[in-house]
Protein backbone atom coordinates (compact mmCIF):
# COMPACT_ATOMS: atom_id res chain seq x y z
CA MET A 1 53.43 -165.54 -60.46
CA ASN A 2 51.73 -166.37 -57.22
CA SER A 3 51.38 -169.47 -55.44
CA GLY A 4 47.91 -170.03 -56.33
CA ASP A 5 48.54 -169.92 -59.72
CA HIS A 6 51.76 -172.11 -59.53
CA LEU A 7 49.43 -175.02 -57.86
CA VAL A 8 47.25 -175.08 -60.64
CA LEU A 9 50.05 -175.51 -63.46
CA SER A 10 51.03 -179.02 -64.62
CA LEU A 11 54.08 -179.82 -64.26
CA ASN A 12 55.30 -179.12 -67.91
CA GLU A 13 54.00 -175.33 -67.46
CA ARG A 14 55.99 -175.42 -64.41
CA ILE A 15 59.23 -176.32 -66.07
CA LEU A 16 58.60 -174.33 -69.02
CA ASN A 17 58.36 -171.09 -66.70
CA ASP A 18 61.52 -172.13 -64.70
CA LEU A 19 63.41 -172.56 -67.17
CA PHE A 20 62.14 -169.14 -68.42
CA LYS A 21 63.01 -167.48 -65.28
CA ILE A 22 66.23 -168.91 -65.10
CA TYR A 23 67.24 -167.55 -68.79
CA ASN A 24 65.96 -164.14 -67.82
CA GLU A 25 66.90 -163.48 -64.48
CA LYS A 26 67.60 -159.67 -64.21
CA ASP A 27 71.22 -159.11 -64.27
CA VAL A 28 72.12 -162.62 -63.52
CA GLY A 29 70.17 -164.75 -65.88
CA LEU A 30 71.77 -166.90 -68.85
CA CYS A 31 70.95 -164.27 -71.18
CA ASP A 32 72.76 -161.67 -69.73
CA ILE A 33 75.59 -163.67 -68.76
CA ALA A 34 76.03 -164.52 -72.22
CA GLU A 35 75.71 -160.90 -73.54
CA MET A 36 78.62 -159.79 -70.91
CA LEU A 37 80.89 -162.71 -72.49
CA GLU A 38 79.58 -161.62 -76.00
CA LEU A 39 77.74 -165.39 -76.61
CA GLU A 40 74.22 -165.31 -77.92
CA VAL A 41 72.01 -168.02 -75.88
CA ARG A 42 67.93 -168.34 -77.03
CA ALA A 43 65.99 -168.28 -73.90
CA PRO A 44 62.79 -171.63 -74.36
CA ARG A 45 59.79 -170.36 -75.43
CA LYS A 46 57.29 -170.99 -72.69
CA LYS A 47 54.62 -172.40 -75.23
CA ILE A 48 54.91 -174.33 -78.96
CA THR A 49 53.43 -172.40 -81.69
CA VAL A 50 50.75 -173.96 -83.85
CA LEU A 51 50.40 -172.14 -87.45
CA LEU A 52 47.46 -173.35 -89.52
CA LEU A 53 47.27 -173.06 -93.30
CA GLY A 54 44.84 -174.20 -95.61
CA ASN A 55 42.12 -173.38 -98.24
CA HIS A 56 39.24 -171.42 -98.09
CA SER A 57 36.75 -173.10 -95.52
CA ALA A 58 39.13 -175.68 -94.72
CA GLY A 59 38.14 -175.51 -90.90
CA LYS A 60 41.35 -173.85 -89.46
CA SER A 61 38.88 -171.70 -86.89
CA SER A 62 36.86 -174.83 -86.30
CA PHE A 63 40.09 -176.64 -85.53
CA ILE A 64 41.12 -174.43 -83.07
CA ASN A 65 37.17 -174.01 -81.26
CA TRP A 66 37.26 -177.68 -80.79
CA TYR A 67 40.88 -178.18 -79.22
CA ILE A 68 40.39 -175.65 -76.33
CA ASP A 69 36.77 -176.65 -76.49
CA GLU A 70 35.27 -173.17 -76.52
CA THR A 71 33.98 -170.45 -79.22
CA VAL A 72 36.40 -168.03 -79.50
CA LEU A 73 36.91 -167.65 -83.60
CA ARG A 74 33.43 -167.17 -85.86
CA THR A 75 33.34 -170.47 -88.35
CA GLY A 76 31.30 -170.93 -91.53
CA VAL A 77 31.44 -170.64 -95.11
CA ALA A 78 30.28 -167.09 -95.22
CA LEU A 79 32.55 -166.18 -92.21
CA GLU A 80 35.93 -166.67 -93.83
CA THR A 81 38.45 -165.81 -91.65
CA GLN A 82 39.81 -162.04 -92.19
CA GLY A 83 43.40 -161.34 -91.20
CA TYR A 84 45.76 -163.37 -89.00
CA PHE A 85 43.90 -164.09 -85.04
CA LEU A 86 46.54 -165.57 -82.29
CA VAL A 87 44.54 -167.67 -79.56
CA VAL A 88 46.00 -168.47 -76.30
CA SER A 89 45.36 -169.38 -72.94
CA GLY A 90 45.23 -166.56 -70.34
CA LYS A 91 43.43 -165.93 -66.78
CA ARG A 92 40.21 -164.39 -68.56
CA ARG A 93 38.24 -163.99 -71.71
CA ASP A 94 39.38 -160.91 -73.96
CA THR A 95 40.78 -159.79 -76.79
CA LEU A 96 43.68 -157.75 -78.01
CA LYS A 97 43.88 -155.81 -81.29
CA GLY A 98 46.70 -154.76 -82.88
CA LYS A 99 48.97 -152.48 -81.04
CA ALA A 100 48.17 -154.44 -78.22
CA THR A 101 48.96 -157.94 -79.48
CA LEU A 102 52.39 -156.48 -80.60
CA GLU A 103 52.99 -155.05 -76.60
CA LEU A 104 52.16 -158.84 -75.84
CA TYR A 105 54.51 -160.23 -78.53
CA PRO A 106 57.46 -157.92 -79.03
CA HIS A 107 59.17 -160.35 -81.72
CA LEU A 108 56.41 -159.61 -84.12
CA ARG A 109 56.99 -155.51 -84.09
CA PRO A 110 58.69 -155.99 -87.17
CA LEU A 111 55.23 -156.48 -89.12
CA ARG A 112 54.57 -152.96 -88.68
CA ASN A 113 56.75 -152.32 -91.68
CA PHE A 114 53.62 -153.58 -93.53
CA SER A 115 51.37 -151.31 -94.74
CA GLY A 116 47.77 -152.45 -93.15
CA CYS A 117 49.43 -155.84 -91.46
CA ILE A 118 48.72 -154.60 -87.68
CA ASP A 119 44.92 -153.86 -88.64
CA ASN A 120 44.26 -157.03 -89.27
CA LEU A 121 46.13 -159.03 -86.30
CA THR A 122 44.01 -159.81 -83.37
CA THR A 123 44.76 -161.95 -80.11
CA GLU A 124 42.37 -163.82 -78.75
CA ILE A 125 42.61 -165.07 -74.69
CA SER A 126 40.69 -167.76 -73.65
CA THR A 127 40.75 -169.51 -70.04
CA SER A 128 40.01 -173.06 -71.24
CA ARG A 129 42.25 -175.64 -70.07
CA ALA A 130 41.40 -178.46 -72.27
CA ARG A 131 43.84 -180.77 -73.54
CA LYS A 132 47.30 -178.91 -73.81
CA PHE A 133 46.09 -175.39 -74.59
CA SER A 134 47.98 -174.27 -71.57
CA LEU A 135 51.15 -174.93 -73.86
CA VAL A 136 50.04 -173.64 -76.84
CA THR A 137 49.54 -170.74 -79.15
CA PHE A 138 47.38 -171.24 -81.94
CA ILE A 139 47.74 -168.72 -84.96
CA ASP A 140 44.71 -168.92 -87.52
CA THR A 141 45.12 -167.24 -91.21
CA PRO A 142 42.88 -166.70 -94.12
CA GLY A 143 42.55 -168.77 -96.81
CA LEU A 144 45.94 -169.43 -98.45
CA VAL A 145 43.54 -168.56 -101.96
CA ASP A 146 43.23 -164.86 -100.11
CA GLY A 147 47.31 -164.59 -99.38
CA GLY A 148 50.15 -166.21 -97.67
CA MET A 149 52.39 -165.84 -94.95
CA ASP A 150 56.23 -165.78 -95.12
CA ARG A 151 56.92 -166.67 -91.47
CA PHE A 152 57.18 -169.62 -90.23
CA PHE A 153 56.31 -170.58 -86.52
CA GLY A 154 57.46 -173.89 -85.28
CA LEU A 155 54.62 -176.69 -86.51
CA ALA A 156 52.38 -176.02 -88.80
CA MET A 157 49.11 -178.06 -89.97
CA TRP A 158 48.03 -177.40 -93.61
CA LEU A 159 44.56 -178.14 -93.47
CA THR A 160 43.15 -178.91 -97.14
CA SER A 161 39.39 -179.38 -97.05
CA SER A 162 37.59 -182.14 -99.22
CA SER A 163 34.68 -179.89 -99.99
CA SER A 164 37.63 -177.21 -101.73
CA PHE A 165 39.22 -179.86 -104.20
CA ARG A 166 35.35 -180.86 -105.43
CA SER A 167 34.54 -177.03 -105.68
CA MET A 168 37.61 -175.25 -106.79
CA GLY A 169 39.77 -177.64 -108.71
CA GLN A 170 43.22 -178.18 -109.58
CA ALA A 171 43.53 -175.04 -109.75
CA LEU A 172 43.41 -173.35 -106.18
CA CYS A 173 45.29 -177.05 -105.47
CA LYS A 174 48.37 -175.65 -107.60
CA ARG A 175 48.34 -172.32 -105.95
CA THR A 176 47.85 -173.94 -102.26
CA LEU A 177 50.73 -175.79 -102.62
CA ASN A 178 53.13 -173.64 -104.05
CA LEU A 179 53.08 -171.50 -100.32
CA VAL A 180 53.51 -175.09 -99.04
CA GLU A 181 56.48 -176.16 -100.86
CA LYS A 182 57.80 -172.88 -100.04
CA LEU A 183 57.60 -173.31 -96.42
CA TRP A 184 58.84 -177.19 -96.74
CA VAL A 185 62.10 -176.23 -97.12
CA GLY A 186 64.12 -176.59 -94.02
CA ASN A 187 61.02 -177.20 -92.04
CA SER A 188 59.67 -180.59 -93.26
CA ASP A 189 60.03 -182.33 -89.80
CA LYS A 190 57.69 -179.71 -88.36
CA ILE A 191 54.71 -179.48 -91.00
CA ARG A 192 51.61 -182.06 -91.05
CA LEU A 193 49.23 -182.08 -93.65
CA PHE A 194 45.56 -183.36 -92.81
CA LEU A 195 42.59 -183.82 -95.29
CA ALA A 196 40.02 -181.74 -93.00
CA LYS A 197 36.18 -182.28 -93.52
CA SER A 198 36.72 -185.70 -94.94
CA ASP A 199 33.09 -186.68 -94.16
CA GLU A 200 31.51 -184.18 -96.37
CA ALA A 201 33.74 -185.85 -99.25
CA GLY A 202 30.84 -188.12 -99.98
CA THR A 203 31.49 -191.96 -100.54
CA GLU A 204 34.67 -193.72 -99.93
CA THR A 205 35.18 -193.25 -103.61
CA ASP A 206 34.90 -189.30 -103.87
CA ARG A 207 37.58 -189.59 -101.03
CA GLN A 208 40.02 -192.29 -102.64
CA ARG A 209 39.63 -189.81 -105.87
CA VAL A 210 40.60 -186.16 -103.45
CA LEU A 211 43.61 -188.05 -102.34
CA MET A 212 44.87 -189.15 -106.02
CA GLN A 213 44.51 -185.15 -106.92
CA ILE A 214 46.61 -184.64 -103.95
CA VAL A 215 49.64 -187.19 -104.76
CA GLN A 216 49.45 -186.33 -108.47
CA GLU A 217 50.59 -182.68 -107.23
CA LEU A 218 53.21 -183.77 -104.84
CA CYS A 219 55.08 -186.22 -107.09
CA LYS A 220 55.06 -183.00 -109.57
CA ARG A 221 56.98 -181.35 -106.98
CA PRO A 222 60.32 -182.59 -105.81
CA GLY A 223 60.21 -180.59 -102.57
CA LEU A 224 57.18 -182.25 -101.81
CA ASN A 225 57.61 -185.43 -102.74
CA ARG A 226 58.92 -188.04 -100.32
CA THR A 227 58.13 -191.31 -99.16
CA GLY A 228 55.74 -192.76 -96.64
CA PHE A 229 53.47 -189.77 -97.12
CA ASP A 230 51.15 -189.64 -94.53
CA MET A 231 47.58 -187.61 -95.04
CA PRO A 232 45.01 -188.24 -92.22
CA THR A 233 41.40 -187.81 -92.59
CA ILE A 234 39.93 -185.38 -89.96
CA PHE A 235 36.91 -183.67 -89.26
CA ILE A 236 35.72 -181.79 -86.01
CA PRO A 237 32.67 -184.79 -84.45
CA ASP A 238 29.53 -183.55 -84.17
CA ALA A 239 26.73 -185.80 -82.64
CA SER A 240 24.22 -184.21 -84.77
CA ARG A 241 24.94 -184.96 -87.81
CA LYS A 242 24.60 -188.22 -89.77
CA ALA A 243 26.98 -190.98 -88.91
CA THR A 244 29.54 -191.42 -91.41
CA LYS A 245 31.96 -194.61 -92.35
CA CYS A 246 34.82 -192.16 -93.08
CA ALA A 247 37.78 -192.86 -90.30
CA ASN A 248 38.11 -189.80 -87.97
CA GLN A 249 41.88 -189.09 -87.01
CA ILE A 250 41.00 -186.22 -85.46
CA ASP A 251 42.86 -187.28 -82.23
CA GLU A 252 46.22 -187.62 -83.62
CA VAL A 253 46.29 -184.12 -84.43
CA SER A 254 46.03 -184.07 -80.58
CA ALA A 255 48.64 -186.62 -80.17
CA ILE A 256 51.11 -184.73 -82.56
CA ILE A 257 50.69 -181.47 -80.49
CA GLU A 258 51.06 -183.07 -77.20
CA LYS A 259 53.92 -185.09 -78.34
CA THR A 260 55.81 -181.68 -79.83
CA VAL A 261 54.81 -180.36 -76.55
CA GLU A 262 56.93 -183.31 -74.61
CA GLN A 263 59.60 -182.26 -77.00
CA SER A 264 59.97 -178.70 -76.70
CA VAL A 265 60.55 -179.74 -72.72
CA GLN A 266 62.85 -182.41 -73.06
CA ASN A 267 64.71 -179.72 -75.51
CA SER A 268 64.16 -176.76 -73.73
CA LEU A 269 65.89 -179.18 -70.59
CA ASN A 270 68.81 -180.45 -72.53
CA ASN A 271 69.63 -176.91 -74.01
CA LEU A 272 69.47 -175.42 -70.17
CA GLY A 273 72.39 -177.80 -69.80
CA GLU A 274 74.76 -177.21 -73.24
CA ASP A 275 74.14 -173.42 -72.49
CA ALA A 276 74.76 -173.55 -68.86
CA LEU A 277 77.82 -175.77 -69.55
CA LEU A 278 79.30 -173.01 -72.30
CA LEU A 279 78.97 -170.42 -69.94
CA LYS A 280 80.30 -172.14 -66.92
CA ARG A 281 83.44 -172.78 -69.30
CA LYS A 282 84.03 -169.25 -70.30
CA LEU A 283 83.34 -167.78 -67.08
CA GLU A 284 85.74 -169.87 -65.34
CA THR A 285 88.17 -169.09 -68.24
CA ARG A 286 87.82 -165.75 -67.81
CA LEU A 287 88.07 -165.66 -64.08
CA THR A 288 91.34 -167.95 -64.41
CA ALA A 289 93.02 -165.49 -66.96
CA ASP A 290 91.86 -162.60 -64.32
CA GLY A 291 93.49 -164.15 -61.36
CA GLU A 292 96.53 -165.14 -63.60
CA ALA A 293 96.87 -161.38 -64.60
CA ARG A 294 96.10 -159.98 -61.39
CA ALA A 295 99.52 -162.70 -59.90
CA ARG A 296 101.61 -161.35 -62.79
CA ASN A 297 100.77 -157.62 -61.82
CA PHE A 298 101.59 -158.52 -58.30
CA ARG A 299 105.14 -159.54 -59.50
CA ARG A 300 105.80 -156.42 -61.52
CA SER A 301 104.58 -154.50 -58.86
CA VAL A 302 106.94 -155.71 -56.67
CA GLN A 303 109.62 -155.53 -59.27
CA ARG A 304 108.99 -152.20 -59.66
CA LEU A 305 109.33 -151.50 -55.74
CA CYS A 306 112.46 -153.43 -55.66
CA TYR A 307 114.08 -151.15 -58.16
CA GLY A 308 112.29 -147.69 -56.90
CA GLY A 309 113.29 -148.69 -53.56
CA LEU A 310 116.72 -149.66 -54.48
CA GLY A 311 117.93 -145.92 -55.47
CA ILE A 312 116.59 -144.58 -52.20
CA PHE A 313 117.32 -146.93 -49.90
CA LEU A 314 120.49 -146.85 -51.14
CA THR A 315 121.12 -143.23 -50.96
CA PHE A 316 119.34 -143.02 -47.61
CA LEU A 317 122.13 -145.19 -46.04
CA LEU A 318 124.86 -143.48 -47.76
CA LEU A 319 123.56 -140.16 -46.61
CA LEU A 320 123.42 -141.87 -43.21
CA SER A 321 126.80 -143.15 -43.15
CA SER A 322 127.59 -139.83 -43.91
CA PHE A 323 126.16 -138.03 -41.15
CA MET A 324 127.45 -141.11 -38.88
CA GLY A 325 131.07 -140.05 -39.92
CA SER A 326 130.47 -136.75 -39.01
CA GLU A 327 128.74 -137.05 -35.68
CA THR A 328 130.15 -138.59 -32.52
CA PHE A 329 129.36 -141.25 -30.44
CA GLU A 330 128.00 -139.15 -28.29
CA ALA A 331 126.11 -137.25 -30.46
CA MET A 332 124.15 -140.43 -31.90
CA ARG A 333 123.47 -141.81 -28.02
CA VAL A 334 121.46 -138.29 -27.78
CA LEU A 335 119.58 -138.59 -30.92
CA PHE A 336 119.03 -142.58 -30.94
CA GLY A 337 119.35 -143.56 -27.03
CA PRO A 338 120.67 -147.13 -26.51
CA GLY A 339 119.90 -148.17 -29.93
CA ALA A 340 122.89 -146.41 -31.38
CA ASP A 341 125.18 -149.34 -30.37
CA SER A 342 123.36 -151.20 -33.01
CA ILE A 343 122.99 -148.70 -35.74
CA PHE A 344 126.88 -148.39 -35.74
CA SER A 345 126.98 -151.68 -35.65
CA PHE A 346 124.42 -152.22 -39.02
CA MET A 347 125.88 -149.25 -40.93
CA ALA A 348 130.07 -150.01 -40.25
CA PRO A 349 129.82 -151.55 -43.54
CA MET A 350 128.10 -149.10 -45.20
CA ASN A 351 130.35 -146.09 -43.41
CA ASP A 352 133.39 -148.20 -45.06
CA VAL A 353 132.06 -148.01 -48.33
CA TRP A 354 131.08 -144.23 -48.01
CA LEU A 355 134.73 -143.39 -46.62
CA MET A 356 136.36 -145.27 -49.90
CA ILE A 357 134.36 -142.64 -51.93
CA PRO A 358 136.79 -139.63 -52.55
CA GLU A 359 134.88 -136.62 -51.00
CA ASN A 360 135.10 -134.55 -54.38
CA PHE A 361 133.08 -137.55 -55.83
CA ARG A 362 130.64 -138.60 -53.19
CA LEU A 363 127.44 -136.39 -54.33
CA GLN A 364 128.26 -138.02 -57.83
CA ALA A 365 128.04 -141.43 -56.59
CA LEU A 366 124.97 -140.77 -54.87
CA ARG A 367 123.71 -139.25 -58.24
CA ALA A 368 124.55 -142.50 -59.95
CA ILE A 369 122.95 -144.66 -57.76
CA VAL A 370 119.39 -142.64 -58.18
CA ALA A 371 119.82 -142.65 -61.95
CA VAL A 372 120.71 -146.37 -61.77
CA SER A 373 117.58 -147.32 -60.16
CA GLY A 374 114.95 -144.89 -62.18
CA PHE A 375 116.59 -146.77 -65.23
CA LEU A 376 115.67 -150.25 -64.07
CA LEU A 377 112.67 -148.76 -62.74
CA ILE A 378 111.52 -147.35 -66.19
CA VAL A 379 112.89 -150.51 -68.28
CA THR A 380 110.48 -152.51 -66.07
CA CYS A 381 107.36 -150.47 -66.59
CA LEU A 382 108.41 -150.42 -70.29
CA PHE A 383 108.69 -154.07 -70.84
CA SER A 384 106.82 -155.07 -68.61
CA PRO A 385 103.33 -152.57 -68.42
CA TYR A 386 100.60 -154.12 -66.12
CA GLU A 387 98.12 -156.38 -67.83
CA LYS A 388 94.82 -154.96 -68.07
CA VAL A 389 92.07 -157.40 -65.46
CA LEU A 390 88.64 -157.42 -64.77
CA ALA A 391 87.05 -154.04 -62.80
CA LYS A 392 85.78 -154.99 -59.12
CA LYS A 393 82.13 -154.64 -60.35
CA GLU A 394 82.54 -156.39 -63.37
CA LEU A 395 84.54 -159.40 -61.44
CA LYS A 396 81.78 -159.80 -58.70
CA HIS A 397 79.54 -159.92 -61.78
CA MET A 398 80.80 -162.80 -62.84
CA ARG A 399 81.56 -165.12 -59.58
CA THR A 400 78.13 -164.08 -58.95
CA GLY A 401 77.03 -165.57 -62.38
CA LEU A 402 79.01 -168.35 -62.34
CA ARG A 403 77.41 -169.44 -58.63
CA PHE A 404 74.41 -169.01 -60.95
CA VAL A 405 75.42 -171.24 -63.62
CA ASP A 406 76.14 -173.82 -60.98
CA SER A 407 72.61 -173.48 -59.30
CA ALA A 408 70.75 -173.46 -62.81
CA LEU A 409 72.72 -177.31 -63.60
CA GLU A 410 71.59 -178.50 -60.59
CA LYS A 411 68.06 -177.27 -60.68
CA LYS A 412 68.33 -178.63 -64.59
CA LYS A 413 69.04 -182.03 -62.98
CA VAL A 414 65.86 -181.98 -60.65
CA MET A 415 63.65 -180.68 -62.90
CA TYR A 416 64.56 -183.70 -65.36
CA ALA A 417 63.93 -186.02 -62.82
CA ASP A 418 60.87 -184.47 -62.05
CA TYR A 419 60.01 -184.78 -65.94
CA LEU A 420 60.77 -188.40 -66.37
CA ARG A 421 58.81 -189.23 -62.75
CA GLN A 422 55.71 -188.75 -64.96
CA SER A 423 56.34 -191.62 -66.98
CA LEU A 424 58.68 -194.01 -65.23
CA ASN A 425 58.88 -194.94 -61.17
CA ASP A 426 61.60 -193.50 -58.95
CA ALA A 427 63.51 -197.05 -59.36
CA ASP A 428 63.91 -196.19 -62.91
CA ILE A 429 65.32 -192.85 -62.59
């Protein structure tokens, strides 16, 4: 992203982009650090995903066109959506077919396992900056009468049209509700229901009849039967059409999407704090344990040096004493110069010990000293082995990662403060 692009981004877009970079920074990103520590963290998405489900000609494509204020999807009863369309914000208008869509969204590659699925997958890229479109990915689907979709994407809107109920009756309603009920399990907080094309329902009595049909079907299904049921009536505003008394709550849909975007930013910031603290604790634990292991290994090295050096040093001293015992003081002066007096004074006790050993046993004494020293060295190696420590490259990587995690926590505080300034005064933060 160049500086020019950064200037036109909204604050929420910049925050989500910065969060994405923190997680995916090469080598030191939170995802790489987590992998190194054998943990799992998920990078936040840059956009929320809105999956639209509905009956035949329920107005799904029309809603997307209205929301982004641009006609990128064909609409009309005779132009029912065939396949799945992803509508995203980009730098220029473009259309990506199946394989190009998989390059843009690698997590969709398992769809290759379904015959014919990729041929019916398309991405429409729009330059629109309307509403919160830059932070939203829309997924338009065929009418549920033609098929369903098992994968759930985040925020789903079920659009059922009043005209569909009037023309196709209860049979279609049941088949539609079967899929909605399946998606409802575990995702009820992310699904919103709307009665689309409510201006085409005729009189207010007709609209009430449609809503009663929906309520009756919901009451038959424990999974969908809940208190506080709400199904706002919406339709696409059209100044050229005759005015209707039906309340249009389509702006509530925009408010729900905007609220979901805001919540996504908050959740992403909260997750960054939790993930960074988790990784910080794990890194500090690993580094502390490695430091303690290195200290114990150092003490073991000193022990081994002492035990191994003991035999060598004592043997050297005894041999030196033997040499001194057979050489005259004048010969020592020739070899060592003025320092011969100090050497004689230091070696006098060892010379006395050497003279106490019978001449026939002096070689055996040297061997015994070497054997005892070697035995102590072997015992130390067997019962106090070196502990495994981090390799230099891994140690450097962890220290770098710890510094990056600390900086991520600081960035999180700054980003959260910037986010809150959108709603609060600086004095309240």
